[in-house]
Amino acid sequence: MNAEESLRKLKEGNERYITSGVNPGDISRQIRKSTAAEGQEPYAIIIACSDSRVIPEAIFSAGIGELFVIRVAGNVMDNHQLGSVEYAAAHLHCPLTVVLGHTRCGAVGAAISGETEGYIASITDEIRKAIGNERDDRKASAMNVRRNVTLIQTAFREHPELSEMKTVGAVYDIETGNVEWL
């Protein structure tokens, strides 16, 4: 599967999610056994926020083994996340990486309000680099996504083994379920 086919599959999955009340992704005993024995073959890497309302497998109607999900508050990138992307792209041959932000993100809200206490500062400082003085939550989330897309593209620009990987950004609306592709 190439990057365009992966992106189409994600978009179709989000349409099913919006209109459905259940996740049609395969979570059967058979797929668990199959992926345990034969390994995983995810078609996309999703870098998502840790927010409990953002469940990439549900949002994209995916089952076991279909998505390689990396979750961190504010969907920010550091070497751990970049290493995970590199692994999934180089070793699992994922052709597409999606940085998935969302509306009403607590980490983005903390960055907007200036919260810098404790370890959360490592997250909010990164988000502030993306959003500057932006006060609108939705715009700030999109700006944060775009910055992290650029960070990924820059990090792997000189990696020939990842030259086929495409990186895109999106913002998930936690109320409507719709994914806006940036």
N, C-alpha and C. Protein backbone atom coordinates (compact mmCIF):
# COMPACT_ATOMS: atom_id res chain seq x y z
N MET A 1 0.86 -1.18 0.00
CA MET A 1 0.00 0.00 0.00
C MET A 1 0.90 1.24 0.00
N ASN A 2 0.58 2.20 -0.85
CA ASN A 2 1.38 3.43 -0.86
C ASN A 2 0.71 4.51 0.00
N ALA A 3 1.34 5.66 0.10
CA ALA A 3 0.86 6.73 0.98
C ALA A 3 -0.53 7.23 0.58
N GLU A 4 -0.79 7.37 -0.69
CA GLU A 4 -2.09 7.87 -1.14
C GLU A 4 -3.21 6.87 -0.81
N GLU A 5 -2.94 5.60 -0.99
CA GLU A 5 -3.92 4.57 -0.64
C GLU A 5 -4.17 4.54 0.86
N SER A 6 -3.10 4.73 1.63
CA SER A 6 -3.22 4.78 3.10
C SER A 6 -4.08 5.96 3.53
N LEU A 7 -3.83 7.12 2.93
CA LEU A 7 -4.60 8.31 3.28
C LEU A 7 -6.07 8.12 2.90
N ARG A 8 -6.34 7.55 1.73
CA ARG A 8 -7.73 7.29 1.32
C ARG A 8 -8.41 6.35 2.32
N LYS A 9 -7.69 5.33 2.76
CA LYS A 9 -8.26 4.38 3.71
C LYS A 9 -8.58 5.06 5.04
N LEU A 10 -7.73 5.97 5.50
CA LEU A 10 -8.00 6.71 6.73
C LEU A 10 -9.23 7.60 6.57
N LYS A 11 -9.33 8.29 5.45
CA LYS A 11 -10.48 9.16 5.20
C LYS A 11 -11.78 8.36 5.15
N GLU A 12 -11.76 7.23 4.48
CA GLU A 12 -12.95 6.37 4.41
C GLU A 12 -13.31 5.84 5.80
N GLY A 13 -12.30 5.48 6.58
CA GLY A 13 -12.53 4.99 7.93
C GLY A 13 -13.14 6.05 8.82
N ASN A 14 -12.69 7.31 8.65
CA ASN A 14 -13.27 8.39 9.45
C ASN A 14 -14.72 8.62 9.07
N GLU A 15 -15.07 8.48 7.80
CA GLU A 15 -16.46 8.61 7.36
C GLU A 15 -17.33 7.52 8.02
N ARG A 16 -16.82 6.30 8.06
CA ARG A 16 -17.57 5.21 8.71
C ARG A 16 -17.74 5.50 10.20
N TYR A 17 -16.70 6.02 10.83
CA TYR A 17 -16.74 6.35 12.26
C TYR A 17 -17.82 7.40 12.56
N ILE A 18 -17.88 8.42 11.74
CA ILE A 18 -18.83 9.51 11.96
C ILE A 18 -20.27 9.01 11.87
N THR A 19 -20.52 8.08 10.96
CA THR A 19 -21.90 7.62 10.74
C THR A 19 -22.25 6.36 11.53
N SER A 20 -21.28 5.76 12.20
CA SER A 20 -21.51 4.50 12.89
C SER A 20 -21.52 4.69 14.40
N GLY A 21 -22.11 3.76 15.10
CA GLY A 21 -22.08 3.78 16.56
C GLY A 21 -21.10 2.78 17.14
N VAL A 22 -20.45 2.02 16.26
CA VAL A 22 -19.50 1.00 16.70
C VAL A 22 -18.25 1.05 15.82
N ASN A 23 -17.17 0.46 16.32
CA ASN A 23 -15.93 0.39 15.55
C ASN A 23 -15.93 -0.88 14.71
N PRO A 24 -15.97 -0.75 13.38
CA PRO A 24 -15.99 -1.94 12.54
C PRO A 24 -14.61 -2.55 12.32
N GLY A 25 -13.55 -2.00 12.96
CA GLY A 25 -12.21 -2.56 12.80
C GLY A 25 -12.13 -3.98 13.36
N ASP A 26 -11.29 -4.79 12.77
CA ASP A 26 -11.16 -6.20 13.16
C ASP A 26 -10.36 -6.32 14.45
N ILE A 27 -11.02 -6.76 15.51
CA ILE A 27 -10.37 -6.99 16.80
C ILE A 27 -10.60 -8.45 17.24
N SER A 28 -10.83 -9.30 16.27
CA SER A 28 -11.19 -10.69 16.53
C SER A 28 -10.02 -11.51 17.09
N ARG A 29 -10.36 -12.66 17.63
CA ARG A 29 -9.35 -13.61 18.11
C ARG A 29 -8.44 -14.01 16.95
N GLN A 30 -9.04 -14.19 15.78
CA GLN A 30 -8.27 -14.61 14.60
C GLN A 30 -7.20 -13.57 14.25
N ILE A 31 -7.54 -12.28 14.25
CA ILE A 31 -6.54 -11.26 13.90
C ILE A 31 -5.49 -11.14 15.00
N ARG A 32 -5.88 -11.35 16.25
CA ARG A 32 -4.89 -11.33 17.34
C ARG A 32 -3.87 -12.44 17.13
N LYS A 33 -4.36 -13.64 16.83
CA LYS A 33 -3.46 -14.77 16.61
C LYS A 33 -2.60 -14.56 15.37
N SER A 34 -3.21 -14.07 14.32
CA SER A 34 -2.49 -13.84 13.07
C SER A 34 -1.36 -12.82 13.24
N THR A 35 -1.66 -11.69 13.87
CA THR A 35 -0.62 -10.67 14.05
C THR A 35 0.43 -11.11 15.07
N ALA A 36 0.05 -11.93 16.03
CA ALA A 36 1.02 -12.46 16.99
C ALA A 36 2.00 -13.40 16.28
N ALA A 37 1.49 -14.22 15.39
CA ALA A 37 2.32 -15.20 14.70
C ALA A 37 3.11 -14.60 13.53
N GLU A 38 2.45 -13.72 12.77
CA GLU A 38 3.03 -13.23 11.53
C GLU A 38 3.55 -11.80 11.62
N GLY A 39 3.29 -11.11 12.71
CA GLY A 39 3.74 -9.72 12.87
C GLY A 39 2.70 -8.74 12.37
N GLN A 40 3.02 -7.49 12.58
CA GLN A 40 2.11 -6.41 12.21
C GLN A 40 2.49 -5.81 10.86
N GLU A 41 1.49 -5.31 10.16
CA GLU A 41 1.70 -4.63 8.88
C GLU A 41 0.83 -3.38 8.84
N PRO A 42 1.10 -2.40 9.73
CA PRO A 42 0.27 -1.20 9.75
C PRO A 42 0.43 -0.39 8.47
N TYR A 43 -0.64 0.20 8.04
CA TYR A 43 -0.60 1.00 6.81
C TYR A 43 -0.36 2.48 7.08
N ALA A 44 -0.39 2.89 8.35
CA ALA A 44 -0.14 4.30 8.68
C ALA A 44 0.39 4.43 10.10
N ILE A 45 1.18 5.46 10.30
CA ILE A 45 1.67 5.86 11.61
C ILE A 45 0.82 7.05 12.03
N ILE A 46 0.28 7.01 13.23
CA ILE A 46 -0.53 8.11 13.74
C ILE A 46 0.14 8.64 15.00
N ILE A 47 0.50 9.92 14.99
CA ILE A 47 1.02 10.57 16.20
C ILE A 47 -0.14 11.36 16.77
N ALA A 48 -0.67 10.88 17.88
CA ALA A 48 -1.88 11.45 18.46
C ALA A 48 -1.63 11.91 19.88
N CYS A 49 -2.51 12.74 20.36
CA CYS A 49 -2.49 13.19 21.74
C CYS A 49 -2.91 12.05 22.66
N SER A 50 -2.46 12.10 23.90
CA SER A 50 -2.83 11.09 24.90
C SER A 50 -4.26 11.24 25.41
N ASP A 51 -4.93 12.30 25.02
CA ASP A 51 -6.29 12.58 25.47
C ASP A 51 -7.18 11.35 25.29
N SER A 52 -7.91 10.99 26.33
CA SER A 52 -8.73 9.77 26.29
C SER A 52 -9.90 9.85 25.32
N ARG A 53 -10.19 11.04 24.81
CA ARG A 53 -11.27 11.20 23.83
C ARG A 53 -10.79 11.02 22.40
N VAL A 54 -9.49 10.84 22.22
CA VAL A 54 -8.88 10.72 20.90
C VAL A 54 -8.35 9.29 20.75
N ILE A 55 -9.11 8.45 20.06
CA ILE A 55 -8.77 7.04 19.91
C ILE A 55 -8.58 6.76 18.42
N PRO A 56 -7.34 6.83 17.93
CA PRO A 56 -7.12 6.71 16.49
C PRO A 56 -7.74 5.47 15.84
N GLU A 57 -7.67 4.32 16.50
CA GLU A 57 -8.26 3.12 15.91
C GLU A 57 -9.76 3.28 15.70
N ALA A 58 -10.43 3.96 16.61
CA ALA A 58 -11.87 4.21 16.44
C ALA A 58 -12.10 5.29 15.39
N ILE A 59 -11.37 6.38 15.49
CA ILE A 59 -11.54 7.52 14.57
C ILE A 59 -11.40 7.10 13.11
N PHE A 60 -10.51 6.13 12.86
CA PHE A 60 -10.27 5.69 11.48
C PHE A 60 -10.82 4.29 11.21
N SER A 61 -11.71 3.80 12.08
CA SER A 61 -12.35 2.48 11.89
C SER A 61 -11.32 1.40 11.59
N ALA A 62 -10.27 1.36 12.38
CA ALA A 62 -9.17 0.41 12.17
C ALA A 62 -9.17 -0.66 13.25
N GLY A 63 -8.62 -1.79 12.92
CA GLY A 63 -8.51 -2.89 13.86
C GLY A 63 -7.08 -3.15 14.26
N ILE A 64 -6.88 -4.30 14.87
CA ILE A 64 -5.55 -4.70 15.35
C ILE A 64 -4.59 -4.81 14.17
N GLY A 65 -3.41 -4.22 14.33
CA GLY A 65 -2.36 -4.34 13.33
C GLY A 65 -2.44 -3.37 12.17
N GLU A 66 -3.45 -2.49 12.15
CA GLU A 66 -3.61 -1.59 11.01
C GLU A 66 -2.91 -0.24 11.18
N LEU A 67 -2.84 0.25 12.42
CA LEU A 67 -2.24 1.55 12.68
C LEU A 67 -1.11 1.40 13.68
N PHE A 68 -0.02 2.14 13.47
CA PHE A 68 1.07 2.22 14.43
C PHE A 68 0.87 3.55 15.15
N VAL A 69 0.37 3.49 16.37
CA VAL A 69 -0.04 4.70 17.08
C VAL A 69 0.99 5.10 18.12
N ILE A 70 1.38 6.37 18.05
CA ILE A 70 2.30 6.97 19.02
C ILE A 70 1.50 8.06 19.73
N ARG A 71 1.36 7.93 21.05
CA ARG A 71 0.54 8.90 21.78
C ARG A 71 1.39 9.65 22.79
N VAL A 72 1.24 10.96 22.77
CA VAL A 72 1.92 11.83 23.73
C VAL A 72 1.08 13.10 23.85
N ALA A 73 0.95 13.61 25.06
CA ALA A 73 0.14 14.82 25.26
C ALA A 73 0.59 15.92 24.30
N GLY A 74 -0.37 16.53 23.65
CA GLY A 74 -0.09 17.62 22.72
C GLY A 74 0.51 17.17 21.41
N ASN A 75 0.56 15.85 21.16
CA ASN A 75 1.15 15.28 19.95
C ASN A 75 2.46 15.97 19.55
N VAL A 76 3.31 16.25 20.56
CA VAL A 76 4.60 16.90 20.30
C VAL A 76 5.64 15.85 19.93
N MET A 77 6.67 16.30 19.26
CA MET A 77 7.73 15.40 18.80
C MET A 77 9.01 15.64 19.60
N ASP A 78 9.65 14.54 19.99
CA ASP A 78 11.01 14.58 20.51
C ASP A 78 11.71 13.34 19.97
N ASN A 79 12.90 13.06 20.45
CA ASN A 79 13.65 11.94 19.90
C ASN A 79 12.96 10.59 20.09
N HIS A 80 12.21 10.42 21.18
CA HIS A 80 11.49 9.16 21.38
C HIS A 80 10.43 8.96 20.29
N GLN A 81 9.67 9.99 20.03
CA GLN A 81 8.64 9.89 19.00
C GLN A 81 9.28 9.73 17.61
N LEU A 82 10.34 10.49 17.34
CA LEU A 82 11.01 10.37 16.05
C LEU A 82 11.58 8.95 15.86
N GLY A 83 12.12 8.38 16.93
CA GLY A 83 12.61 7.01 16.85
C GLY A 83 11.50 6.02 16.55
N SER A 84 10.33 6.26 17.12
CA SER A 84 9.19 5.39 16.86
C SER A 84 8.72 5.52 15.42
N VAL A 85 8.70 6.73 14.89
CA VAL A 85 8.34 6.95 13.49
C VAL A 85 9.36 6.24 12.59
N GLU A 86 10.62 6.44 12.90
CA GLU A 86 11.68 5.82 12.10
C GLU A 86 11.53 4.29 12.08
N TYR A 87 11.27 3.71 13.24
CA TYR A 87 11.08 2.25 13.31
C TYR A 87 9.91 1.81 12.43
N ALA A 88 8.76 2.46 12.59
CA ALA A 88 7.57 2.05 11.85
C ALA A 88 7.75 2.25 10.35
N ALA A 89 8.41 3.34 9.96
CA ALA A 89 8.60 3.59 8.53
C ALA A 89 9.66 2.68 7.93
N ALA A 90 10.79 2.52 8.61
CA ALA A 90 11.90 1.76 8.05
C ALA A 90 11.72 0.25 8.19
N HIS A 91 11.20 -0.20 9.32
CA HIS A 91 11.13 -1.64 9.58
C HIS A 91 9.76 -2.25 9.27
N LEU A 92 8.71 -1.45 9.43
CA LEU A 92 7.37 -1.97 9.16
C LEU A 92 6.83 -1.47 7.82
N HIS A 93 7.59 -0.58 7.18
CA HIS A 93 7.29 -0.07 5.84
C HIS A 93 5.98 0.72 5.77
N CYS A 94 5.69 1.47 6.81
CA CYS A 94 4.51 2.35 6.80
C CYS A 94 4.78 3.50 5.84
N PRO A 95 3.92 3.71 4.87
CA PRO A 95 4.17 4.75 3.88
C PRO A 95 3.66 6.14 4.28
N LEU A 96 2.88 6.22 5.37
CA LEU A 96 2.22 7.47 5.72
C LEU A 96 2.32 7.72 7.21
N THR A 97 2.66 8.97 7.56
CA THR A 97 2.63 9.41 8.95
C THR A 97 1.63 10.56 9.05
N VAL A 98 0.74 10.48 10.05
CA VAL A 98 -0.25 11.52 10.29
C VAL A 98 -0.03 12.08 11.69
N VAL A 99 0.17 13.39 11.77
CA VAL A 99 0.18 14.07 13.07
C VAL A 99 -1.26 14.51 13.29
N LEU A 100 -1.88 13.94 14.32
CA LEU A 100 -3.30 14.14 14.58
C LEU A 100 -3.51 14.98 15.85
N GLY A 101 -3.79 16.26 15.65
CA GLY A 101 -4.17 17.11 16.77
C GLY A 101 -5.66 17.01 16.99
N HIS A 102 -6.17 17.76 17.96
CA HIS A 102 -7.62 17.72 18.19
C HIS A 102 -8.10 18.99 18.85
N THR A 103 -9.39 19.23 18.76
CA THR A 103 -10.01 20.38 19.38
C THR A 103 -10.03 20.19 20.90
N ARG A 104 -10.10 21.29 21.61
CA ARG A 104 -10.17 21.29 23.08
C ARG A 104 -9.05 20.47 23.73
N CYS A 105 -7.86 20.60 23.18
CA CYS A 105 -6.69 19.87 23.69
C CYS A 105 -6.20 20.54 24.98
N GLY A 106 -6.09 19.76 26.04
CA GLY A 106 -5.64 20.28 27.32
C GLY A 106 -4.22 20.80 27.27
N ALA A 107 -3.34 20.12 26.53
CA ALA A 107 -1.95 20.56 26.43
C ALA A 107 -1.86 21.88 25.67
N VAL A 108 -2.61 22.02 24.60
CA VAL A 108 -2.64 23.28 23.86
C VAL A 108 -3.23 24.38 24.74
N GLY A 109 -4.30 24.06 25.46
CA GLY A 109 -4.90 25.03 26.39
C GLY A 109 -3.92 25.48 27.45
N ALA A 110 -3.13 24.55 27.97
CA ALA A 110 -2.12 24.89 28.98
C ALA A 110 -1.05 25.81 28.37
N ALA A 111 -0.67 25.55 27.14
CA ALA A 111 0.31 26.41 26.46
C ALA A 111 -0.26 27.81 26.24
N ILE A 112 -1.52 27.89 25.86
CA ILE A 112 -2.17 29.19 25.65
C ILE A 112 -2.24 29.97 26.95
N SER A 113 -2.59 29.28 28.04
CA SER A 113 -2.78 29.96 29.33
C SER A 113 -1.47 30.26 30.04
N GLY A 114 -0.38 29.66 29.58
CA GLY A 114 0.92 29.93 30.17
C GLY A 114 1.33 28.99 31.30
N GLU A 115 0.62 27.88 31.48
CA GLU A 115 0.99 26.92 32.52
C GLU A 115 2.35 26.32 32.20
N THR A 116 3.24 26.37 33.18
CA THR A 116 4.58 25.82 32.96
C THR A 116 5.09 25.05 34.17
N GLU A 117 4.20 24.53 34.97
CA GLU A 117 4.60 23.82 36.17
C GLU A 117 5.05 22.40 35.86
N GLY A 118 6.08 21.94 36.56
CA GLY A 118 6.52 20.56 36.49
C GLY A 118 6.93 20.11 35.10
N TYR A 119 6.74 18.83 34.87
CA TYR A 119 7.16 18.22 33.61
C TYR A 119 6.31 18.66 32.42
N ILE A 120 5.12 19.15 32.69
CA ILE A 120 4.27 19.59 31.57
C ILE A 120 4.93 20.72 30.78
N ALA A 121 5.84 21.43 31.42
CA ALA A 121 6.56 22.51 30.72
C ALA A 121 7.30 21.99 29.49
N SER A 122 7.80 20.74 29.54
CA SER A 122 8.49 20.19 28.37
C SER A 122 7.54 20.06 27.18
N ILE A 123 6.27 19.92 27.46
CA ILE A 123 5.26 19.82 26.41
C ILE A 123 4.77 21.20 25.99
N THR A 124 4.40 22.02 26.98
CA THR A 124 3.85 23.34 26.65
C THR A 124 4.90 24.25 26.00
N ASP A 125 6.16 24.10 26.38
CA ASP A 125 7.21 24.90 25.73
C ASP A 125 7.30 24.58 24.24
N GLU A 126 7.17 23.29 23.90
CA GLU A 126 7.19 22.89 22.49
C GLU A 126 5.97 23.43 21.74
N ILE A 127 4.82 23.37 22.38
CA ILE A 127 3.60 23.87 21.75
C ILE A 127 3.68 25.37 21.54
N ARG A 128 4.24 26.10 22.51
CA ARG A 128 4.38 27.56 22.37
C ARG A 128 5.26 27.94 21.19
N LYS A 129 6.26 27.11 20.88
CA LYS A 129 7.10 27.37 19.71
C LYS A 129 6.26 27.35 18.44
N ALA A 130 5.22 26.55 18.44
CA ALA A 130 4.35 26.44 17.27
C ALA A 130 3.31 27.54 17.22
N ILE A 131 2.74 27.90 18.38
CA ILE A 131 1.56 28.76 18.37
C ILE A 131 1.85 30.23 18.66
N GLY A 132 3.02 30.55 19.19
CA GLY A 132 3.33 31.94 19.51
C GLY A 132 2.27 32.53 20.42
N ASN A 133 1.66 33.62 19.99
CA ASN A 133 0.64 34.30 20.79
C ASN A 133 -0.79 33.94 20.41
N GLU A 134 -0.97 32.91 19.60
CA GLU A 134 -2.32 32.51 19.19
C GLU A 134 -3.16 32.14 20.41
N ARG A 135 -4.38 32.64 20.46
CA ARG A 135 -5.28 32.38 21.59
C ARG A 135 -6.45 31.47 21.23
N ASP A 136 -6.71 31.30 19.96
CA ASP A 136 -7.81 30.45 19.52
C ASP A 136 -7.36 28.99 19.57
N ASP A 137 -8.08 28.19 20.32
CA ASP A 137 -7.74 26.78 20.55
C ASP A 137 -7.62 25.98 19.25
N ARG A 138 -8.60 26.12 18.36
CA ARG A 138 -8.59 25.33 17.12
C ARG A 138 -7.43 25.75 16.22
N LYS A 139 -7.21 27.04 16.07
CA LYS A 139 -6.10 27.53 15.25
C LYS A 139 -4.77 27.08 15.86
N ALA A 140 -4.65 27.17 17.18
CA ALA A 140 -3.42 26.77 17.86
C ALA A 140 -3.15 25.28 17.65
N SER A 141 -4.18 24.45 17.74
CA SER A 141 -4.01 23.02 17.51
C SER A 141 -3.49 22.75 16.10
N ALA A 142 -4.05 23.44 15.11
CA ALA A 142 -3.60 23.27 13.72
C ALA A 142 -2.17 23.75 13.55
N MET A 143 -1.82 24.85 14.19
CA MET A 143 -0.45 25.36 14.10
C MET A 143 0.53 24.37 14.72
N ASN A 144 0.15 23.77 15.84
CA ASN A 144 0.99 22.78 16.50
C ASN A 144 1.18 21.55 15.61
N VAL A 145 0.12 21.11 14.98
CA VAL A 145 0.21 19.97 14.06
C VAL A 145 1.17 20.30 12.92
N ARG A 146 1.00 21.46 12.31
CA ARG A 146 1.85 21.83 11.16
C ARG A 146 3.33 21.87 11.56
N ARG A 147 3.61 22.38 12.74
CA ARG A 147 5.01 22.43 13.20
C ARG A 147 5.57 21.02 13.33
N ASN A 148 4.79 20.11 13.89
CA ASN A 148 5.29 18.75 14.09
C ASN A 148 5.41 17.98 12.78
N VAL A 149 4.56 18.27 11.81
CA VAL A 149 4.73 17.70 10.47
C VAL A 149 6.07 18.15 9.90
N THR A 150 6.38 19.44 10.02
CA THR A 150 7.64 19.98 9.52
C THR A 150 8.83 19.36 10.25
N LEU A 151 8.72 19.18 11.57
CA LEU A 151 9.81 18.56 12.33
C LEU A 151 10.09 17.14 11.82
N ILE A 152 9.06 16.38 11.54
CA ILE A 152 9.23 15.02 11.03
C ILE A 152 9.87 15.06 9.64
N GLN A 153 9.34 15.90 8.77
CA GLN A 153 9.87 15.99 7.42
C GLN A 153 11.34 16.39 7.44
N THR A 154 11.69 17.34 8.29
CA THR A 154 13.07 17.80 8.40
C THR A 154 13.98 16.70 8.96
N ALA A 155 13.52 16.01 10.00
CA ALA A 155 14.32 14.97 10.64
C ALA A 155 14.69 13.85 9.67
N PHE A 156 13.79 13.53 8.74
CA PHE A 156 14.02 12.38 7.86
C PHE A 156 14.35 12.77 6.43
N ARG A 157 14.62 14.03 6.22
CA ARG A 157 14.93 14.51 4.86
C ARG A 157 16.15 13.78 4.28
N GLU A 158 17.13 13.49 5.10
CA GLU A 158 18.37 12.88 4.62
C GLU A 158 18.41 11.36 4.84
N HIS A 159 17.27 10.74 5.04
CA HIS A 159 17.20 9.30 5.25
C HIS A 159 16.63 8.64 3.99
N PRO A 160 17.49 8.12 3.12
CA PRO A 160 16.99 7.54 1.87
C PRO A 160 16.02 6.37 2.07
N GLU A 161 16.17 5.63 3.19
CA GLU A 161 15.26 4.50 3.42
C GLU A 161 13.84 4.96 3.74
N LEU A 162 13.69 6.24 4.06
CA LEU A 162 12.37 6.78 4.37
C LEU A 162 11.88 7.75 3.30
N SER A 163 12.52 7.75 2.16
CA SER A 163 12.19 8.73 1.12
C SER A 163 10.77 8.59 0.59
N GLU A 164 10.17 7.40 0.73
CA GLU A 164 8.81 7.18 0.24
C GLU A 164 7.74 7.59 1.26
N MET A 165 8.14 7.82 2.51
CA MET A 165 7.16 8.15 3.55
C MET A 165 6.59 9.56 3.34
N LYS A 166 5.29 9.65 3.41
CA LYS A 166 4.59 10.93 3.31
C LYS A 166 4.12 11.31 4.70
N THR A 167 4.20 12.60 5.05
CA THR A 167 3.74 13.08 6.35
C THR A 167 2.70 14.16 6.15
N VAL A 168 1.55 14.00 6.80
CA VAL A 168 0.46 14.96 6.69
C VAL A 168 -0.06 15.30 8.09
N GLY A 169 -0.80 16.38 8.18
CA GLY A 169 -1.39 16.79 9.44
C GLY A 169 -2.91 16.80 9.36
N ALA A 170 -3.52 16.68 10.54
CA ALA A 170 -4.98 16.67 10.63
C ALA A 170 -5.39 17.11 12.03
N VAL A 171 -6.61 17.63 12.13
CA VAL A 171 -7.19 18.00 13.42
C VAL A 171 -8.52 17.29 13.56
N TYR A 172 -8.66 16.55 14.65
CA TYR A 172 -9.87 15.79 14.96
C TYR A 172 -10.78 16.66 15.83
N ASP A 173 -12.04 16.77 15.44
CA ASP A 173 -13.03 17.51 16.22
C ASP A 173 -13.67 16.53 17.21
N ILE A 174 -13.42 16.73 18.51
CA ILE A 174 -13.90 15.76 19.51
C ILE A 174 -15.41 15.75 19.65
N GLU A 175 -16.07 16.79 19.16
CA GLU A 175 -17.53 16.82 19.26
C GLU A 175 -18.20 16.14 18.07
N THR A 176 -17.73 16.45 16.84
CA THR A 176 -18.38 15.91 15.65
C THR A 176 -17.78 14.59 15.18
N GLY A 177 -16.53 14.31 15.56
CA GLY A 177 -15.85 13.12 15.10
C GLY A 177 -15.15 13.30 13.77
N ASN A 178 -15.31 14.45 13.15
CA ASN A 178 -14.75 14.70 11.83
C ASN A 178 -13.25 15.01 11.93
N VAL A 179 -12.49 14.51 10.97
CA VAL A 179 -11.07 14.82 10.84
C VAL A 179 -10.91 15.83 9.71
N GLU A 180 -10.32 16.96 10.03
CA GLU A 180 -9.99 17.99 9.04
C GLU A 180 -8.56 17.80 8.62
N TRP A 181 -8.34 17.53 7.34
CA TRP A 181 -6.99 17.31 6.83
C TRP A 181 -6.37 18.64 6.48
N LEU A 182 -5.18 18.87 6.96
CA LEU A 182 -4.51 20.17 6.74
C LEU A 182 -3.63 20.13 5.50
